[in-house]
Amino acid sequence: AFFVEKPEYATRWVQWNSGLIVLGQMFAGLANLKSMIPVVVNLVM
């Protein structure tokens, strides 16, 4: 739940799906398995 990145939404116009875009940015780190391992281990610990 807490493995999230700091999101940035640069687009000026906010639409109904803008929150979903930000949500995708928050969990973008899940795609990088190598950098994810120490974070997940530390959060579990």
ModelCIF file with pLDDT and N, C-alpha, C, O atoms, coordinates in Angstrom:
data_MODEL
#
_entry.id   MODEL 
#
_entity.id                         1 
_entity.type                       polymer 
_entity.pdbx_number_of_molecules   1 
#
_entity_poly.entity_id                      1 
_entity_poly.type                           'polypeptide(L)' 
_entity_poly.nstd_linkage                   no 
_entity_poly.nstd_monomer                   no 
_entity_poly.pdbx_seq_one_letter_code       AFFVEKPEYATRWVQWNSGLIVLGQMFAGLANLKSMIPVVVNLVM 
_entity_poly.pdbx_seq_one_letter_code_can   AFFVEKPEYATRWVQWNSGLIVLGQMFAGLANLKSMIPVVVNLVM 
_entity_poly.pdbx_strand_id                 A 
#
loop_
_entity_poly_seq.entity_id 
_entity_poly_seq.num 
_entity_poly_seq.mon_id 
_entity_poly_seq.hetero 
1 1  ALA n 
1 2  PHE n 
1 3  PHE n 
1 4  VAL n 
1 5  GLU n 
1 6  LYS n 
1 7  PRO n 
1 8  GLU n 
1 9  TYR n 
1 10 ALA n 
1 11 THR n 
1 12 ARG n 
1 13 TRP n 
1 14 VAL n 
1 15 GLN n 
1 16 TRP n 
1 17 ASN n 
1 18 SER n 
1 19 GLY n 
1 20 LEU n 
1 21 ILE n 
1 22 VAL n 
1 23 LEU n 
1 24 GLY n 
1 25 GLN n 
1 26 MET n 
1 27 PHE n 
1 28 ALA n 
1 29 GLY n 
1 30 LEU n 
1 31 ALA n 
1 32 ASN n 
1 33 LEU n 
1 34 LYS n 
1 35 SER n 
1 36 MET n 
1 37 ILE n 
1 38 PRO n 
1 39 VAL n 
1 40 VAL n 
1 41 VAL n 
1 42 ASN n 
1 43 LEU n 
1 44 VAL n 
1 45 MET n 
#
_struct_asym.id          A 
_struct_asym.entity_id   1 
#
loop_
_ma_qa_metric.id 
_ma_qa_metric.mode 
_ma_qa_metric.name 
_ma_qa_metric.software_group_id 
_ma_qa_metric.type 
1 global pLDDT . pLDDT 
2 local  pLDDT . pLDDT 
#
_ma_qa_metric_global.metric_id      1 
_ma_qa_metric_global.metric_value   78.18 
_ma_qa_metric_global.model_id       1 
_ma_qa_metric_global.ordinal_id     1 
#
loop_
_ma_qa_metric_local.label_asym_id 
_ma_qa_metric_local.label_comp_id 
_ma_qa_metric_local.label_seq_id 
_ma_qa_metric_local.metric_id 
_ma_qa_metric_local.metric_value 
_ma_qa_metric_local.model_id 
_ma_qa_metric_local.ordinal_id 
A ALA 1  2 77.00 1 1  
A PHE 2  2 75.00 1 2  
A PHE 3  2 69.00 1 3  
A VAL 4  2 71.00 1 4  
A GLU 5  2 69.00 1 5  
A LYS 6  2 68.00 1 6  
A PRO 7  2 71.00 1 7  
A GLU 8  2 68.00 1 8  
A TYR 9  2 64.00 1 9  
A ALA 10 2 60.00 1 10 
A THR 11 2 61.00 1 11 
A ARG 12 2 65.00 1 12 
A TRP 13 2 81.00 1 13 
A VAL 14 2 86.00 1 14 
A GLN 15 2 87.00 1 15 
A TRP 16 2 87.00 1 16 
A ASN 17 2 88.00 1 17 
A SER 18 2 89.00 1 18 
A GLY 19 2 88.00 1 19 
A LEU 20 2 89.00 1 20 
A ILE 21 2 88.00 1 21 
A VAL 22 2 86.00 1 22 
A LEU 23 2 85.00 1 23 
A GLY 24 2 84.00 1 24 
A GLN 25 2 82.00 1 25 
A MET 26 2 79.00 1 26 
A PHE 27 2 78.00 1 27 
A ALA 28 2 74.00 1 28 
A GLY 29 2 67.00 1 29 
A LEU 30 2 66.00 1 30 
A ALA 31 2 67.00 1 31 
A ASN 32 2 68.00 1 32 
A LEU 33 2 64.00 1 33 
A LYS 34 2 67.00 1 34 
A SER 35 2 69.00 1 35 
A MET 36 2 78.00 1 36 
A ILE 37 2 84.00 1 37 
A PRO 38 2 86.00 1 38 
A VAL 39 2 86.00 1 39 
A VAL 40 2 87.00 1 40 
A VAL 41 2 90.00 1 41 
A ASN 42 2 92.00 1 42 
A LEU 43 2 92.00 1 43 
A VAL 44 2 93.00 1 44 
A MET 45 2 93.00 1 45 
#
loop_
_atom_site.group_PDB 
_atom_site.id 
_atom_site.type_symbol 
_atom_site.label_atom_id 
_atom_site.label_alt_id 
_atom_site.label_comp_id 
_atom_site.label_asym_id 
_atom_site.label_entity_id 
_atom_site.label_seq_id 
_atom_site.pdbx_PDB_ins_code 
_atom_site.Cartn_x 
_atom_site.Cartn_y 
_atom_site.Cartn_z 
_atom_site.occupancy 
_atom_site.B_iso_or_equiv 
_atom_site.pdbx_formal_charge 
_atom_site.auth_seq_id 
_atom_site.auth_comp_id 
_atom_site.auth_asym_id 
_atom_site.auth_atom_id 
_atom_site.pdbx_PDB_model_num 
ATOM 1   N N  . ALA A 1 1  ? 0.814   -1.213 0.000   1.00 77.00 ? 1  ALA A N  1 
ATOM 2   C CA . ALA A 1 1  ? 0.000   0.000  0.000   1.00 77.00 ? 1  ALA A CA 1 
ATOM 3   C C  . ALA A 1 1  ? 0.847   1.262  0.000   1.00 77.00 ? 1  ALA A C  1 
ATOM 4   O O  . ALA A 1 1  ? 0.426   2.283  -0.542  1.00 77.00 ? 1  ALA A O  1 
ATOM 5   N N  . PHE A 1 2  ? 2.040   1.211  0.601   1.00 75.00 ? 2  PHE A N  1 
ATOM 6   C CA . PHE A 1 2  ? 2.836   2.426  0.751   1.00 75.00 ? 2  PHE A CA 1 
ATOM 7   C C  . PHE A 1 2  ? 4.022   2.488  -0.191  1.00 75.00 ? 2  PHE A C  1 
ATOM 8   O O  . PHE A 1 2  ? 4.876   3.365  -0.056  1.00 75.00 ? 2  PHE A O  1 
ATOM 9   N N  . PHE A 1 3  ? 4.086   1.559  -1.155  1.00 69.00 ? 3  PHE A N  1 
ATOM 10  C CA . PHE A 1 3  ? 5.161   1.634  -2.142  1.00 69.00 ? 3  PHE A CA 1 
ATOM 11  C C  . PHE A 1 3  ? 4.709   2.572  -3.276  1.00 69.00 ? 3  PHE A C  1 
ATOM 12  O O  . PHE A 1 3  ? 4.283   2.128  -4.342  1.00 69.00 ? 3  PHE A O  1 
ATOM 13  N N  . VAL A 1 4  ? 4.815   3.857  -3.013  1.00 71.00 ? 4  VAL A N  1 
ATOM 14  C CA . VAL A 1 4  ? 4.339   4.841  -3.969  1.00 71.00 ? 4  VAL A CA 1 
ATOM 15  C C  . VAL A 1 4  ? 5.441   5.852  -4.265  1.00 71.00 ? 4  VAL A C  1 
ATOM 16  O O  . VAL A 1 4  ? 6.295   6.128  -3.422  1.00 71.00 ? 4  VAL A O  1 
ATOM 17  N N  . GLU A 1 5  ? 5.405   6.394  -5.468  1.00 69.00 ? 5  GLU A N  1 
ATOM 18  C CA . GLU A 1 5  ? 6.318   7.448  -5.875  1.00 69.00 ? 5  GLU A CA 1 
ATOM 19  C C  . GLU A 1 5  ? 5.623   8.805  -5.716  1.00 69.00 ? 5  GLU A C  1 
ATOM 20  O O  . GLU A 1 5  ? 4.397   8.885  -5.652  1.00 69.00 ? 5  GLU A O  1 
ATOM 21  N N  . LYS A 1 6  ? 6.418   9.852  -5.654  1.00 68.00 ? 6  LYS A N  1 
ATOM 22  C CA . LYS A 1 6  ? 5.843   11.196 -5.618  1.00 68.00 ? 6  LYS A CA 1 
ATOM 23  C C  . LYS A 1 6  ? 5.305   11.525 -7.004  1.00 68.00 ? 6  LYS A C  1 
ATOM 24  O O  . LYS A 1 6  ? 6.079   11.567 -7.961  1.00 68.00 ? 6  LYS A O  1 
ATOM 25  N N  . PRO A 1 7  ? 3.994   11.761 -7.141  1.00 71.00 ? 7  PRO A N  1 
ATOM 26  C CA . PRO A 1 7  ? 3.416   11.988 -8.465  1.00 71.00 ? 7  PRO A CA 1 
ATOM 27  C C  . PRO A 1 7  ? 3.551   13.444 -8.900  1.00 71.00 ? 7  PRO A C  1 
ATOM 28  O O  . PRO A 1 7  ? 3.642   14.353 -8.075  1.00 71.00 ? 7  PRO A O  1 
ATOM 29  N N  . GLU A 1 8  ? 3.559   13.634 -10.173 1.00 68.00 ? 8  GLU A N  1 
ATOM 30  C CA . GLU A 1 8  ? 3.542   14.976 -10.747 1.00 68.00 ? 8  GLU A CA 1 
ATOM 31  C C  . GLU A 1 8  ? 2.585   14.950 -11.939 1.00 68.00 ? 8  GLU A C  1 
ATOM 32  O O  . GLU A 1 8  ? 2.696   14.102 -12.825 1.00 68.00 ? 8  GLU A O  1 
ATOM 33  N N  . TYR A 1 9  ? 1.649   15.892 -11.941 1.00 64.00 ? 9  TYR A N  1 
ATOM 34  C CA . TYR A 1 9  ? 0.706   15.984 -13.059 1.00 64.00 ? 9  TYR A CA 1 
ATOM 35  C C  . TYR A 1 9  ? 0.943   17.324 -13.728 1.00 64.00 ? 9  TYR A C  1 
ATOM 36  O O  . TYR A 1 9  ? 0.500   18.362 -13.237 1.00 64.00 ? 9  TYR A O  1 
ATOM 37  N N  . ALA A 1 10 ? 1.650   17.296 -14.864 1.00 60.00 ? 10 ALA A N  1 
ATOM 38  C CA . ALA A 1 10 ? 2.075   18.526 -15.517 1.00 60.00 ? 10 ALA A CA 1 
ATOM 39  C C  . ALA A 1 10 ? 1.003   19.118 -16.429 1.00 60.00 ? 10 ALA A C  1 
ATOM 40  O O  . ALA A 1 10 ? 1.071   20.302 -16.758 1.00 60.00 ? 10 ALA A O  1 
ATOM 41  N N  . THR A 1 11 ? 0.032   18.336 -16.837 1.00 61.00 ? 11 THR A N  1 
ATOM 42  C CA . THR A 1 11 ? -0.990  18.829 -17.753 1.00 61.00 ? 11 THR A CA 1 
ATOM 43  C C  . THR A 1 11 ? -1.857  19.881 -17.071 1.00 61.00 ? 11 THR A C  1 
ATOM 44  O O  . THR A 1 11 ? -2.254  19.717 -15.917 1.00 61.00 ? 11 THR A O  1 
ATOM 45  N N  . ARG A 1 12 ? -2.143  20.947 -17.781 1.00 65.00 ? 12 ARG A N  1 
ATOM 46  C CA . ARG A 1 12 ? -2.905  22.057 -17.185 1.00 65.00 ? 12 ARG A CA 1 
ATOM 47  C C  . ARG A 1 12 ? -4.357  21.683 -16.978 1.00 65.00 ? 12 ARG A C  1 
ATOM 48  O O  . ARG A 1 12 ? -4.949  22.034 -15.957 1.00 65.00 ? 12 ARG A O  1 
ATOM 49  N N  . TRP A 1 13 ? -4.946  20.969 -17.944 1.00 81.00 ? 13 TRP A N  1 
ATOM 50  C CA . TRP A 1 13 ? -6.376  20.673 -17.880 1.00 81.00 ? 13 TRP A CA 1 
ATOM 51  C C  . TRP A 1 13 ? -6.602  19.377 -17.122 1.00 81.00 ? 13 TRP A C  1 
ATOM 52  O O  . TRP A 1 13 ? -6.015  18.342 -17.438 1.00 81.00 ? 13 TRP A O  1 
ATOM 53  N N  . VAL A 1 14 ? -7.449  19.450 -16.133 1.00 86.00 ? 14 VAL A N  1 
ATOM 54  C CA . VAL A 1 14 ? -7.786  18.289 -15.327 1.00 86.00 ? 14 VAL A CA 1 
ATOM 55  C C  . VAL A 1 14 ? -9.072  17.682 -15.853 1.00 86.00 ? 14 VAL A C  1 
ATOM 56  O O  . VAL A 1 14 ? -10.087 18.370 -15.958 1.00 86.00 ? 14 VAL A O  1 
ATOM 57  N N  . GLN A 1 15 ? -9.039  16.396 -16.185 1.00 87.00 ? 15 GLN A N  1 
ATOM 58  C CA . GLN A 1 15 ? -10.200 15.692 -16.702 1.00 87.00 ? 15 GLN A CA 1 
ATOM 59  C C  . GLN A 1 15 ? -10.631 14.615 -15.700 1.00 87.00 ? 15 GLN A C  1 
ATOM 60  O O  . GLN A 1 15 ? -10.027 14.453 -14.640 1.00 87.00 ? 15 GLN A O  1 
ATOM 61  N N  . TRP A 1 16 ? -11.685 13.888 -16.064 1.00 87.00 ? 16 TRP A N  1 
ATOM 62  C CA . TRP A 1 16 ? -12.231 12.902 -15.133 1.00 87.00 ? 16 TRP A CA 1 
ATOM 63  C C  . TRP A 1 16 ? -11.244 11.802 -14.810 1.00 87.00 ? 16 TRP A C  1 
ATOM 64  O O  . TRP A 1 16 ? -11.295 11.231 -13.720 1.00 87.00 ? 16 TRP A O  1 
ATOM 65  N N  . ASN A 1 17 ? -10.327 11.483 -15.751 1.00 88.00 ? 17 ASN A N  1 
ATOM 66  C CA . ASN A 1 17 ? -9.368  10.393 -15.544 1.00 88.00 ? 17 ASN A CA 1 
ATOM 67  C C  . ASN A 1 17 ? -8.001  10.886 -15.091 1.00 88.00 ? 17 ASN A C  1 
ATOM 68  O O  . ASN A 1 17 ? -7.055  10.102 -15.027 1.00 88.00 ? 17 ASN A O  1 
ATOM 69  N N  . SER A 1 18 ? -7.882  12.164 -14.778 1.00 89.00 ? 18 SER A N  1 
ATOM 70  C CA . SER A 1 18 ? -6.579  12.703 -14.369 1.00 89.00 ? 18 SER A CA 1 
ATOM 71  C C  . SER A 1 18 ? -6.091  12.055 -13.081 1.00 89.00 ? 18 SER A C  1 
ATOM 72  O O  . SER A 1 18 ? -4.893  11.825 -12.913 1.00 89.00 ? 18 SER A O  1 
ATOM 73  N N  . GLY A 1 19 ? -7.009  11.762 -12.177 1.00 88.00 ? 19 GLY A N  1 
ATOM 74  C CA . GLY A 1 19 ? -6.615  11.100 -10.939 1.00 88.00 ? 19 GLY A CA 1 
ATOM 75  C C  . GLY A 1 19 ? -6.058  9.711  -11.189 1.00 88.00 ? 19 GLY A C  1 
ATOM 76  O O  . GLY A 1 19 ? -5.129  9.286  -10.501 1.00 88.00 ? 19 GLY A O  1 
ATOM 77  N N  . LEU A 1 20 ? -6.610  8.996  -12.162 1.00 89.00 ? 20 LEU A N  1 
ATOM 78  C CA . LEU A 1 20 ? -6.097  7.668  -12.498 1.00 89.00 ? 20 LEU A CA 1 
ATOM 79  C C  . LEU A 1 20 ? -4.686  7.758  -13.077 1.00 89.00 ? 20 LEU A C  1 
ATOM 80  O O  . LEU A 1 20 ? -3.855  6.878  -12.849 1.00 89.00 ? 20 LEU A O  1 
ATOM 81  N N  . ILE A 1 21 ? -4.422  8.842  -13.836 1.00 88.00 ? 21 ILE A N  1 
ATOM 82  C CA . ILE A 1 21 ? -3.076  9.050  -14.383 1.00 88.00 ? 21 ILE A CA 1 
ATOM 83  C C  . ILE A 1 21 ? -2.079  9.270  -13.246 1.00 88.00 ? 21 ILE A C  1 
ATOM 84  O O  . ILE A 1 21 ? -0.987  8.702  -13.252 1.00 88.00 ? 21 ILE A O  1 
ATOM 85  N N  . VAL A 1 22 ? -2.458  10.089 -12.281 1.00 86.00 ? 22 VAL A N  1 
ATOM 86  C CA . VAL A 1 22 ? -1.595  10.334 -11.129 1.00 86.00 ? 22 VAL A CA 1 
ATOM 87  C C  . VAL A 1 22 ? -1.389  9.047  -10.336 1.00 86.00 ? 22 VAL A C  1 
ATOM 88  O O  . VAL A 1 22 ? -0.291  8.782  -9.845  1.00 86.00 ? 22 VAL A O  1 
ATOM 89  N N  . LEU A 1 23 ? -2.449  8.251  -10.214 1.00 85.00 ? 23 LEU A N  1 
ATOM 90  C CA . LEU A 1 23 ? -2.341  6.979  -9.494  1.00 85.00 ? 23 LEU A CA 1 
ATOM 91  C C  . LEU A 1 23 ? -1.337  6.060  -10.190 1.00 85.00 ? 23 LEU A C  1 
ATOM 92  O O  . LEU A 1 23 ? -0.562  5.368  -9.530  1.00 85.00 ? 23 LEU A O  1 
ATOM 93  N N  . GLY A 1 24 ? -1.355  6.057  -11.530 1.00 84.00 ? 24 GLY A N  1 
ATOM 94  C CA . GLY A 1 24 ? -0.373  5.272  -12.270 1.00 84.00 ? 24 GLY A CA 1 
ATOM 95  C C  . GLY A 1 24 ? 1.040   5.762  -12.040 1.00 84.00 ? 24 GLY A C  1 
ATOM 96  O O  . GLY A 1 24 ? 1.971   4.960  -11.968 1.00 84.00 ? 24 GLY A O  1 
ATOM 97  N N  . GLN A 1 25 ? 1.218   7.093  -11.922 1.00 82.00 ? 25 GLN A N  1 
ATOM 98  C CA . GLN A 1 25 ? 2.538   7.643  -11.636 1.00 82.00 ? 25 GLN A CA 1 
ATOM 99  C C  . GLN A 1 25 ? 3.011   7.256  -10.246 1.00 82.00 ? 25 GLN A C  1 
ATOM 100 O O  . GLN A 1 25 ? 4.202   7.026  -10.031 1.00 82.00 ? 25 GLN A O  1 
ATOM 101 N N  . MET A 1 26 ? 2.082   7.184  -9.303  1.00 79.00 ? 26 MET A N  1 
ATOM 102 C CA . MET A 1 26 ? 2.445   6.843  -7.927  1.00 79.00 ? 26 MET A CA 1 
ATOM 103 C C  . MET A 1 26 ? 2.991   5.423  -7.821  1.00 79.00 ? 26 MET A C  1 
ATOM 104 O O  . MET A 1 26 ? 3.880   5.153  -7.013  1.00 79.00 ? 26 MET A O  1 
ATOM 105 N N  . PHE A 1 27 ? 2.455   4.514  -8.640  1.00 78.00 ? 27 PHE A N  1 
ATOM 106 C CA . PHE A 1 27 ? 2.885   3.118  -8.581  1.00 78.00 ? 27 PHE A CA 1 
ATOM 107 C C  . PHE A 1 27 ? 3.807   2.753  -9.742  1.00 78.00 ? 27 PHE A C  1 
ATOM 108 O O  . PHE A 1 27 ? 3.963   1.578  -10.071 1.00 78.00 ? 27 PHE A O  1 
ATOM 109 N N  . ALA A 1 28 ? 4.416   3.768  -10.360 1.00 74.00 ? 28 ALA A N  1 
ATOM 110 C CA . ALA A 1 28 ? 5.317   3.493  -11.476 1.00 74.00 ? 28 ALA A CA 1 
ATOM 111 C C  . ALA A 1 28 ? 6.557   2.727  -11.027 1.00 74.00 ? 28 ALA A C  1 
ATOM 112 O O  . ALA A 1 28 ? 7.161   2.000  -11.816 1.00 74.00 ? 28 ALA A O  1 
ATOM 113 N N  . GLY A 1 29 ? 6.934   2.889  -9.765  1.00 67.00 ? 29 GLY A N  1 
ATOM 114 C CA . GLY A 1 29 ? 8.123   2.198  -9.273  1.00 67.00 ? 29 GLY A CA 1 
ATOM 115 C C  . GLY A 1 29 ? 7.988   0.690  -9.257  1.00 67.00 ? 29 GLY A C  1 
ATOM 116 O O  . GLY A 1 29 ? 8.993   -0.020 -9.214  1.00 67.00 ? 29 GLY A O  1 
ATOM 117 N N  . LEU A 1 30 ? 6.751   0.183  -9.291  1.00 66.00 ? 30 LEU A N  1 
ATOM 118 C CA . LEU A 1 30 ? 6.560   -1.270 -9.295  1.00 66.00 ? 30 LEU A CA 1 
ATOM 119 C C  . LEU A 1 30 ? 7.125   -1.914 -10.551 1.00 66.00 ? 30 LEU A C  1 
ATOM 120 O O  . LEU A 1 30 ? 7.410   -3.112 -10.564 1.00 66.00 ? 30 LEU A O  1 
ATOM 121 N N  . ALA A 1 31 ? 7.291   -1.113 -11.621 1.00 67.00 ? 31 ALA A N  1 
ATOM 122 C CA . ALA A 1 31 ? 7.809   -1.672 -12.866 1.00 67.00 ? 31 ALA A CA 1 
ATOM 123 C C  . ALA A 1 31 ? 9.313   -1.936 -12.784 1.00 67.00 ? 31 ALA A C  1 
ATOM 124 O O  . ALA A 1 31 ? 9.843   -2.732 -13.559 1.00 67.00 ? 31 ALA A O  1 
ATOM 125 N N  . ASN A 1 32 ? 10.003  -1.273 -11.851 1.00 68.00 ? 32 ASN A N  1 
ATOM 126 C CA . ASN A 1 32 ? 11.448  -1.441 -11.716 1.00 68.00 ? 32 ASN A CA 1 
ATOM 127 C C  . ASN A 1 32 ? 11.720  -2.387 -10.548 1.00 68.00 ? 32 ASN A C  1 
ATOM 128 O O  . ASN A 1 32 ? 11.850  -1.953 -9.404  1.00 68.00 ? 32 ASN A O  1 
ATOM 129 N N  . LEU A 1 33 ? 11.802  -3.667 -10.843 1.00 64.00 ? 33 LEU A N  1 
ATOM 130 C CA . LEU A 1 33 ? 11.929  -4.689 -9.806  1.00 64.00 ? 33 LEU A CA 1 
ATOM 131 C C  . LEU A 1 33 ? 13.229  -4.549 -9.031  1.00 64.00 ? 33 LEU A C  1 
ATOM 132 O O  . LEU A 1 33 ? 13.246  -4.776 -7.822  1.00 64.00 ? 33 LEU A O  1 
ATOM 133 N N  . LYS A 1 34 ? 14.313  -4.184 -9.692  1.00 67.00 ? 34 LYS A N  1 
ATOM 134 C CA . LYS A 1 34 ? 15.609  -4.110 -9.034  1.00 67.00 ? 34 LYS A CA 1 
ATOM 135 C C  . LYS A 1 34 ? 15.615  -3.057 -7.937  1.00 67.00 ? 34 LYS A C  1 
ATOM 136 O O  . LYS A 1 34 ? 16.117  -3.305 -6.841  1.00 67.00 ? 34 LYS A O  1 
ATOM 137 N N  . SER A 1 35 ? 15.065  -1.894 -8.221  1.00 69.00 ? 35 SER A N  1 
ATOM 138 C CA . SER A 1 35 ? 15.041  -0.831 -7.218  1.00 69.00 ? 35 SER A CA 1 
ATOM 139 C C  . SER A 1 35 ? 13.922  -1.037 -6.205  1.00 69.00 ? 35 SER A C  1 
ATOM 140 O O  . SER A 1 35 ? 13.935  -0.430 -5.134  1.00 69.00 ? 35 SER A O  1 
ATOM 141 N N  . MET A 1 36 ? 12.956  -1.886 -6.534  1.00 78.00 ? 36 MET A N  1 
ATOM 142 C CA . MET A 1 36 ? 11.823  -2.099 -5.647  1.00 78.00 ? 36 MET A CA 1 
ATOM 143 C C  . MET A 1 36 ? 12.184  -3.000 -4.466  1.00 78.00 ? 36 MET A C  1 
ATOM 144 O O  . MET A 1 36 ? 11.611  -2.849 -3.387  1.00 78.00 ? 36 MET A O  1 
ATOM 145 N N  . ILE A 1 37 ? 13.118  -3.931 -4.646  1.00 84.00 ? 37 ILE A N  1 
ATOM 146 C CA . ILE A 1 37 ? 13.400  -4.938 -3.621  1.00 84.00 ? 37 ILE A CA 1 
ATOM 147 C C  . ILE A 1 37 ? 13.822  -4.318 -2.290  1.00 84.00 ? 37 ILE A C  1 
ATOM 148 O O  . ILE A 1 37 ? 13.242  -4.671 -1.264  1.00 84.00 ? 37 ILE A O  1 
ATOM 149 N N  . PRO A 1 38 ? 14.813  -3.404 -2.254  1.00 86.00 ? 38 PRO A N  1 
ATOM 150 C CA . PRO A 1 38 ? 15.193  -2.852 -0.943  1.00 86.00 ? 38 PRO A CA 1 
ATOM 151 C C  . PRO A 1 38 ? 14.061  -2.080 -0.277  1.00 86.00 ? 38 PRO A C  1 
ATOM 152 O O  . PRO A 1 38 ? 13.925  -2.123 0.945   1.00 86.00 ? 38 PRO A O  1 
ATOM 153 N N  . VAL A 1 39 ? 13.250  -1.378 -1.056  1.00 86.00 ? 39 VAL A N  1 
ATOM 154 C CA . VAL A 1 39 ? 12.153  -0.601 -0.482  1.00 86.00 ? 39 VAL A CA 1 
ATOM 155 C C  . VAL A 1 39 ? 11.126  -1.536 0.148   1.00 86.00 ? 39 VAL A C  1 
ATOM 156 O O  . VAL A 1 39 ? 10.694  -1.312 1.279   1.00 86.00 ? 39 VAL A O  1 
ATOM 157 N N  . VAL A 1 40 ? 10.734  -2.579 -0.574  1.00 87.00 ? 40 VAL A N  1 
ATOM 158 C CA . VAL A 1 40 ? 9.745   -3.519 -0.049  1.00 87.00 ? 40 VAL A CA 1 
ATOM 159 C C  . VAL A 1 40 ? 10.280  -4.209 1.196   1.00 87.00 ? 40 VAL A C  1 
ATOM 160 O O  . VAL A 1 40 ? 9.555   -4.362 2.179   1.00 87.00 ? 40 VAL A O  1 
ATOM 161 N N  . VAL A 1 41 ? 11.549  -4.632 1.164   1.00 90.00 ? 41 VAL A N  1 
ATOM 162 C CA . VAL A 1 41 ? 12.147  -5.290 2.331   1.00 90.00 ? 41 VAL A CA 1 
ATOM 163 C C  . VAL A 1 41 ? 12.125  -4.351 3.535   1.00 90.00 ? 41 VAL A C  1 
ATOM 164 O O  . VAL A 1 41 ? 11.771  -4.762 4.640   1.00 90.00 ? 41 VAL A O  1 
ATOM 165 N N  . ASN A 1 42 ? 12.503  -3.095 3.320   1.00 92.00 ? 42 ASN A N  1 
ATOM 166 C CA . ASN A 1 42 ? 12.538  -2.143 4.427   1.00 92.00 ? 42 ASN A CA 1 
ATOM 167 C C  . ASN A 1 42 ? 11.136  -1.854 4.969   1.00 92.00 ? 42 ASN A C  1 
ATOM 168 O O  . ASN A 1 42 ? 10.951  -1.714 6.178   1.00 92.00 ? 42 ASN A O  1 
ATOM 169 N N  . LEU A 1 43 ? 10.158  -1.765 4.076   1.00 92.00 ? 43 LEU A N  1 
ATOM 170 C CA . LEU A 1 43 ? 8.795   -1.514 4.537   1.00 92.00 ? 43 LEU A CA 1 
ATOM 171 C C  . LEU A 1 43 ? 8.237   -2.711 5.317   1.00 92.00 ? 43 LEU A C  1 
ATOM 172 O O  . LEU A 1 43 ? 7.539   -2.534 6.315   1.00 92.00 ? 43 LEU A O  1 
ATOM 173 N N  . VAL A 1 44 ? 8.548   -3.928 4.857   1.00 93.00 ? 44 VAL A N  1 
ATOM 174 C CA . VAL A 1 44 ? 8.107   -5.120 5.587   1.00 93.00 ? 44 VAL A CA 1 
ATOM 175 C C  . VAL A 1 44 ? 8.794   -5.180 6.947   1.00 93.00 ? 44 VAL A C  1 
ATOM 176 O O  . VAL A 1 44 ? 8.158   -5.508 7.949   1.00 93.00 ? 44 VAL A O  1 
ATOM 177 N N  . MET A 1 45 ? 10.077  -4.869 6.987   1.00 93.00 ? 45 MET A N  1 
ATOM 178 C CA . MET A 1 45 ? 10.800  -4.869 8.254   1.00 93.00 ? 45 MET A CA 1 
ATOM 179 C C  . MET A 1 45 ? 10.243  -3.816 9.201   1.00 93.00 ? 45 MET A C  1 
ATOM 180 O O  . MET A 1 45 ? 10.733  -3.673 10.321  1.00 93.00 ? 45 MET A O  1 
#
